[in-house]
C-alpha atoms as a PDB file:
ATOM      1  CA  MET A   1     159.464  29.952 138.874  1.00  0.00           C
ATOM      2  CA  ALA A   2     156.300  31.665 137.662  1.00  0.00           C
ATOM      3  CA  GLU A   3     153.188  31.262 139.761  1.00  0.00           C
ATOM      4  CA  GLU A   4     150.416  29.436 137.994  1.00  0.00           C
ATOM      5  CA  GLN A   5     147.205  31.445 137.681  1.00  0.00           C
ATOM      6  CA  THR A   6     144.194  29.429 138.785  1.00  0.00           C
ATOM      7  CA  PRO A   7     140.843  30.686 137.602  1.00  0.00           C
ATOM      8  CA  SER A   8     138.678  32.083 140.359  1.00  0.00           C
ATOM      9  CA  LYS A   9     135.499  30.235 141.254  1.00  0.00           C
ATOM     10  CA  THR A  10     133.626  33.500 140.684  1.00  0.00           C
ATOM     11  CA  ALA A  11     134.681  33.794 137.024  1.00  0.00           C
ATOM     12  CA  ASN A  12     131.854  33.208 134.553  1.00  0.00           C
ATOM     13  CA  GLN A  13     129.264  32.667 137.286  1.00  0.00           C
ATOM     14  CA  PRO A  14     125.735  33.957 136.604  1.00  0.00           C
ATOM     15  CA  PRO A  15     124.874  37.082 138.655  1.00  0.00           C
ATOM     16  CA  PHE A  16     121.401  35.808 139.641  1.00  0.00           C
ATOM     17  CA  GLY A  17     119.857  32.579 140.880  1.00  0.00           C
ATOM     18  CA  ALA A  18     116.461  30.986 141.404  1.00  0.00           C
ATOM     19  CA  GLU A  19     115.299  27.964 143.397  1.00  0.00           C
ATOM     20  CA  TYR A  20     112.677  26.790 145.832  1.00  0.00           C
ATOM     21  CA  ALA A  21     113.481  27.584 149.468  1.00  0.00           C
ATOM     22  CA  LYS A  22     115.013  24.493 151.081  1.00  0.00           C
ATOM     23  CA  SER A  23     114.045  25.586 154.592  1.00  0.00           C
ATOM     24  CA  GLY A  24     112.164  28.467 156.138  1.00  0.00           C
ATOM     25  CA  ARG A  25     115.251  30.043 157.708  1.00  0.00           C
ATOM     26  CA  ALA A  26     116.373  32.473 154.986  1.00  0.00           C
ATOM     27  CA  LYS A  27     115.280  36.099 155.201  1.00  0.00           C
ATOM     28  CA  CYS A  28     114.608  38.372 152.253  1.00  0.00           C
ATOM     29  CA  LYS A  29     117.378  40.980 151.873  1.00  0.00           C
ATOM     30  CA  ALA A  30     114.813  43.602 150.817  1.00  0.00           C
ATOM     31  CA  CYS A  31     111.890  43.309 153.254  1.00  0.00           C
ATOM     32  CA  GLN A  32     113.639  41.248 155.990  1.00  0.00           C
ATOM     33  CA  ASP A  33     110.668  38.821 156.224  1.00  0.00           C
ATOM     34  CA  GLY A  34     111.256  35.077 156.211  1.00  0.00           C
ATOM     35  CA  ILE A  35     111.066  33.141 152.948  1.00  0.00           C
ATOM     36  CA  LYS A  36     108.718  30.155 153.401  1.00  0.00           C
ATOM     37  CA  GLN A  37     109.982  26.663 152.684  1.00  0.00           C
ATOM     38  CA  GLY A  38     109.124  25.518 149.167  1.00  0.00           C
ATOM     39  CA  SER A  39     108.379  29.014 147.839  1.00  0.00           C
ATOM     40  CA  LEU A  40     110.160  30.383 144.778  1.00  0.00           C
ATOM     41  CA  ARG A  41     113.032  32.612 145.805  1.00  0.00           C
ATOM     42  CA  MET A  42     115.571  34.515 143.733  1.00  0.00           C
ATOM     43  CA  CYS A  43     119.006  35.829 144.535  1.00  0.00           C
ATOM     44  CA  THR A  44     121.662  38.254 143.474  1.00  0.00           C
ATOM     45  CA  ARG A  45     125.060  36.575 143.508  1.00  0.00           C
ATOM     46  CA  THR A  46     128.127  38.519 144.587  1.00  0.00           C
ATOM     47  CA  PRO A  47     131.740  37.465 145.146  1.00  0.00           C
ATOM     48  CA  SER A  48     132.106  36.439 148.774  1.00  0.00           C
ATOM     49  CA  ARG A  49     134.485  38.233 151.104  1.00  0.00           C
ATOM     50  CA  PHE A  50     134.855  35.100 153.225  1.00  0.00           C
ATOM     51  CA  PHE A  51     135.512  32.302 150.729  1.00  0.00           C
ATOM     52  CA  ASP A  52     136.466  31.818 147.098  1.00  0.00           C
ATOM     53  CA  GLY A  53     133.083  31.676 145.429  1.00  0.00           C
ATOM     54  CA  MET A  54     129.773  33.439 145.039  1.00  0.00           C
ATOM     55  CA  GLN A  55     127.472  34.391 147.896  1.00  0.00           C
ATOM     56  CA  ASP A  56     123.706  34.214 147.325  1.00  0.00           C
ATOM     57  CA  ASN A  57     121.602  37.089 148.694  1.00  0.00           C
ATOM     58  CA  TRP A  58     118.040  35.774 148.746  1.00  0.00           C
ATOM     59  CA  PHE A  59     114.838  37.691 148.010  1.00  0.00           C
ATOM     60  CA  HIS A  60     111.152  36.872 147.740  1.00  0.00           C
ATOM     61  CA  TYR A  61     110.176  36.540 144.087  1.00  0.00           C
ATOM     62  CA  GLU A  62     108.440  39.969 144.076  1.00  0.00           C
ATOM     63  CA  CYS A  63     111.124  41.745 146.123  1.00  0.00           C
ATOM     64  CA  PHE A  64     113.881  40.557 143.757  1.00  0.00           C
ATOM     65  CA  TRP A  65     112.586  42.572 140.802  1.00  0.00           C
ATOM     66  CA  LYS A  66     112.765  45.834 142.746  1.00  0.00           C
ATOM     67  CA  ARG A  67     116.498  45.329 143.356  1.00  0.00           C
ATOM     68  CA  SER A  68     117.718  43.682 140.141  1.00  0.00           C
ATOM     69  CA  LYS A  69     119.664  45.566 137.472  1.00  0.00           C
ATOM     70  CA  PRO A  70     117.710  45.444 134.190  1.00  0.00           C
ATOM     71  CA  ASP A  71     120.792  45.598 131.965  1.00  0.00           C
ATOM     72  CA  LYS A  72     122.064  42.257 133.335  1.00  0.00           C
ATOM     73  CA  LEU A  73     118.718  40.443 133.373  1.00  0.00           C
ATOM     74  CA  SER A  74     118.370  37.511 131.013  1.00  0.00           C
ATOM     75  CA  GLU A  75     117.330  33.907 131.321  1.00  0.00           C
ATOM     76  CA  ALA A  76     120.941  32.812 130.786  1.00  0.00           C
ATOM     77  CA  ASN A  77     122.079  34.929 133.768  1.00  0.00           C
ATOM     78  CA  ILE A  78     119.863  33.067 136.265  1.00  0.00           C
ATOM     79  CA  ARG A  79     121.474  29.992 137.830  1.00  0.00           C
ATOM     80  CA  GLY A  80     119.038  27.135 138.483  1.00  0.00           C
ATOM     81  CA  MET A  81     116.461  28.303 135.948  1.00  0.00           C
ATOM     82  CA  GLU A  82     116.321  24.877 134.276  1.00  0.00           C
ATOM     83  CA  SER A  83     115.451  23.100 137.543  1.00  0.00           C
ATOM     84  CA  LEU A  84     112.335  25.219 138.191  1.00  0.00           C
ATOM     85  CA  LYS A  85     108.778  24.176 137.329  1.00  0.00           C
ATOM     86  CA  TRP A  86     107.785  25.175 133.801  1.00  0.00           C
ATOM     87  CA  ASP A  87     105.139  27.657 135.070  1.00  0.00           C
ATOM     88  CA  ASP A  88     107.727  29.414 137.234  1.00  0.00           C
ATOM     89  CA  GLN A  89     110.202  29.534 134.345  1.00  0.00           C
ATOM     90  CA  GLU A  90     107.528  31.162 132.186  1.00  0.00           C
ATOM     91  CA  LYS A  91     106.681  33.617 134.981  1.00  0.00           C
ATOM     92  CA  ILE A  92     110.347  34.687 135.158  1.00  0.00           C
ATOM     93  CA  ARG A  93     110.644  34.947 131.352  1.00  0.00           C
ATOM     94  CA  GLN A  94     107.534  37.153 131.243  1.00  0.00           C
ATOM     95  CA  ARG A  95     108.845  39.434 133.990  1.00  0.00           C
ATOM     96  CA  ILE A  96     112.222  39.808 132.234  1.00  0.00           C
ATOM     97  CA  ALA A  97     110.431  40.691 128.974  1.00  0.00           C
ATOM     98  CA  GLU A  98     108.285  43.317 130.778  1.00  0.00           C
ATOM     99  CA  ILE A  99     111.338  44.888 132.414  1.00  0.00           C
ATOM    100  CA  LYS A 100     113.286  44.994 129.139  1.00  0.00           C
ATOM    101  CA  GLU A 101     110.267  46.529 127.395  1.00  0.00           C
ATOM    102  CA  ASN A 102     109.840  49.231 130.047  1.00  0.00           C
ATOM    103  CA  ALA A 103     113.557  49.878 130.656  1.00  0.00           C
ATOM    104  CA  SER A 104     113.305  53.473 129.410  1.00  0.00           C
ATOM    105  CA  GLU A 105     110.562  54.196 131.968  1.00  0.00           C
ATOM    106  CA  LEU A 106     112.737  53.256 134.953  1.00  0.00           C
ATOM    107  CA  PRO A 107     113.503  56.163 137.297  1.00  0.00           C
ATOM    108  CA  THR A 108     116.819  57.963 136.944  1.00  0.00           C
ATOM    109  CA  PRO A 109     119.205  57.031 139.767  1.00  0.00           C
ATOM    110  CA  LYS A 110     119.478  59.873 142.283  1.00  0.00           C
ATOM    111  CA  SER A 111     123.225  60.212 141.640  1.00  0.00           C
ATOM    112  CA  HIS A 112     122.517  61.046 137.980  1.00  0.00           C
ATOM    113  CA  ILE A 113     120.299  64.042 138.820  1.00  0.00           C
ATOM    114  CA  PRO A 114     122.323  67.281 138.874  1.00  0.00           C
ATOM    115  CA  LYS A 115     122.031  69.247 142.115  1.00  0.00           C
ATOM    116  CA  VAL A 116     122.983  72.894 142.584  1.00  0.00           C
ATOM    117  CA  GLU A 117     124.151  74.345 145.879  1.00  0.00           C
ATOM    118  CA  ILE A 118     126.325  77.087 147.307  1.00  0.00           C
ATOM    119  CA  ALA A 119     129.843  75.922 148.214  1.00  0.00           C
ATOM    120  CA  LYS A 120     130.093  75.922 152.006  1.00  0.00           C
ATOM    121  CA  THR A 121     133.900  75.937 152.027  1.00  0.00           C
ATOM    122  CA  GLY A 122     136.547  76.755 149.474  1.00  0.00           C
ATOM    123  CA  GLN A 123     138.041  73.257 149.694  1.00  0.00           C
ATOM    124  CA  GLY A 124     136.161  71.423 146.935  1.00  0.00           C
ATOM    125  CA  LYS A 125     137.611  71.080 143.443  1.00  0.00           C
ATOM    126  CA  CYS A 126     135.878  71.020 140.096  1.00  0.00           C
ATOM    127  CA  PHE A 127     136.070  67.521 138.610  1.00  0.00           C
ATOM    128  CA  GLU A 128     136.561  68.930 135.102  1.00  0.00           C
ATOM    129  CA  CYS A 129     139.101  71.783 135.458  1.00  0.00           C
ATOM    130  CA  LYS A 130     140.601  70.644 138.820  1.00  0.00           C
ATOM    131  CA  GLU A 131     140.462  74.212 140.206  1.00  0.00           C
ATOM    132  CA  LYS A 132     138.970  75.001 143.609  1.00  0.00           C
ATOM    133  CA  ILE A 133     135.353  76.095 143.851  1.00  0.00           C
ATOM    134  CA  GLY A 134     135.385  79.192 146.054  1.00  0.00           C
ATOM    135  CA  LYS A 135     133.320  79.538 149.208  1.00  0.00           C
ATOM    136  CA  GLY A 136     129.880  80.975 148.404  1.00  0.00           C
ATOM    137  CA  GLU A 137     130.131  80.129 144.676  1.00  0.00           C
ATOM    138  CA  LEU A 138     127.559  78.061 142.826  1.00  0.00           C
ATOM    139  CA  ARG A 139     128.541  74.448 142.283  1.00  0.00           C
ATOM    140  CA  ILE A 140     126.663  71.648 140.596  1.00  0.00           C
ATOM    141  CA  GLN A 141     126.991  68.104 141.878  1.00  0.00           C
ATOM    142  CA  LEU A 142     126.606  65.234 139.408  1.00  0.00           C
ATOM    143  CA  LYS A 143     127.488  61.573 140.013  1.00  0.00           C
ATOM    144  CA  ALA A 144     129.296  62.374 143.298  1.00  0.00           C
ATOM    145  CA  SER A 145     131.522  65.012 141.651  1.00  0.00           C
ATOM    146  CA  ASN A 146     131.354  68.804 141.868  1.00  0.00           C
ATOM    147  CA  TYR A 147     131.596  71.145 138.890  1.00  0.00           C
ATOM    148  CA  HIS A 148     131.702  74.870 138.169  1.00  0.00           C
ATOM    149  CA  PRO A 149     128.496  75.641 136.237  1.00  0.00           C
ATOM    150  CA  THR A 150     130.599  76.790 133.238  1.00  0.00           C
ATOM    151  CA  CYS A 151     132.594  73.534 133.215  1.00  0.00           C
ATOM    152  CA  LEU A 152     129.417  71.451 133.320  1.00  0.00           C
ATOM    153  CA  LYS A 153     127.910  73.564 130.535  1.00  0.00           C
ATOM    154  CA  ALA A 154     130.915  72.724 128.332  1.00  0.00           C
ATOM    155  CA  LEU A 155     130.241  68.995 128.858  1.00  0.00           C
ATOM    156  CA  GLU A 156     126.688  69.457 127.491  1.00  0.00           C
ATOM    157  CA  VAL A 157     125.070  67.013 129.927  1.00  0.00           C
ATOM    158  CA  ILE A 158     122.383  69.421 131.186  1.00  0.00           C
ATOM    159  CA  THR A 159     119.665  70.456 128.750  1.00  0.00           C
ATOM    160  CA  GLY A 160     117.915  73.038 130.939  1.00  0.00           C
ATOM    161  CA  VAL A 161     117.658  74.355 134.487  1.00  0.00           C
ATOM    162  CA  GLU A 162     114.455  72.375 135.114  1.00  0.00           C
ATOM    163  CA  SER A 163     116.616  69.240 135.403  1.00  0.00           C
ATOM    164  CA  ILE A 164     118.754  70.736 138.214  1.00  0.00           C
ATOM    165  CA  GLU A 165     117.654  69.843 141.737  1.00  0.00           C
ATOM    166  CA  GLY A 166     117.793  72.752 144.214  1.00  0.00           C
ATOM    167  CA  TYR A 167     117.302  75.449 141.544  1.00  0.00           C
ATOM    168  CA  GLU A 168     114.127  76.681 143.239  1.00  0.00           C
ATOM    169  CA  PHE A 169     116.029  77.506 146.453  1.00  0.00           C
ATOM    170  CA  LEU A 170     118.482  79.919 144.791  1.00  0.00           C
ATOM    171  CA  ASP A 171     118.112  83.705 144.926  1.00  0.00           C
ATOM    172  CA  ASP A 172     117.121  85.621 141.773  1.00  0.00           C
ATOM    173  CA  ASP A 173     120.695  86.544 140.730  1.00  0.00           C
ATOM    174  CA  GLN A 174     121.850  82.936 141.010  1.00  0.00           C
ATOM    175  CA  LYS A 175     118.790  81.727 139.080  1.00  0.00           C
ATOM    176  CA  LYS A 176     119.501  84.276 136.347  1.00  0.00           C
ATOM    177  CA  THR A 177     123.099  83.053 136.069  1.00  0.00           C
ATOM    178  CA  LEU A 178     121.932  79.465 135.545  1.00  0.00           C
ATOM    179  CA  ASP A 179     119.059  80.536 133.245  1.00  0.00           C
ATOM    180  CA  ASP A 180     121.507  82.371 130.983  1.00  0.00           C
ATOM    181  CA  MET A 181     123.879  79.412 130.984  1.00  0.00           C
ATOM    182  CA  PHE A 182     121.532  76.411 130.619  1.00  0.00           C
ATOM    183  CA  GLY A 183     118.312  77.929 129.281  1.00  0.00           C
ATOM    184  CA  LYS A 184     115.357  79.542 131.033  1.00  0.00           C
ATOM    185  CA  GLN A 185     113.016  77.325 133.016  1.00  0.00           C
ATOM    186  CA  ALA A 186     109.577  76.959 131.439  1.00  0.00           C
ATOM    187  CA  GLU A 187     106.948  78.656 133.572  1.00  0.00           C
END
């Protein structure tokens, strides 16, 4: 007999929420200060590890915007939006519009910034060619993966050495190698 698939309670649930604090007991997940009763609070909603459903992680209104992911933000993705006061709904709509407008100005996540360093051991492998990166060789780390400089050059994700963190700490020969490969740093 085939087991019947029941839809999870987390399926098709909005990733964010908004409401007025019911009590003064909740703490903001960003600043750890209490959220006053009756004040507008917002949450990110994640699947719970303890029950079948979504868990709300509450934030002060201002703290929420520092932690939210702009690509998922929309009025439709905020549970409880329709039960808020009109002024608060407008405030949220305005903030979403500002964030969407300035999305290109958001800082690059640290994991997306290439970083050069000297391999401390010969154990690491290049993510692209799968060969070991020898001890003392240059390696470039990008998105939690290591690459030979030549392999990363072939992927064409680096436009110049000025975008590589740690470049300034290399000796002249190592700098020259990267300059020749990715383009000389503007002085």
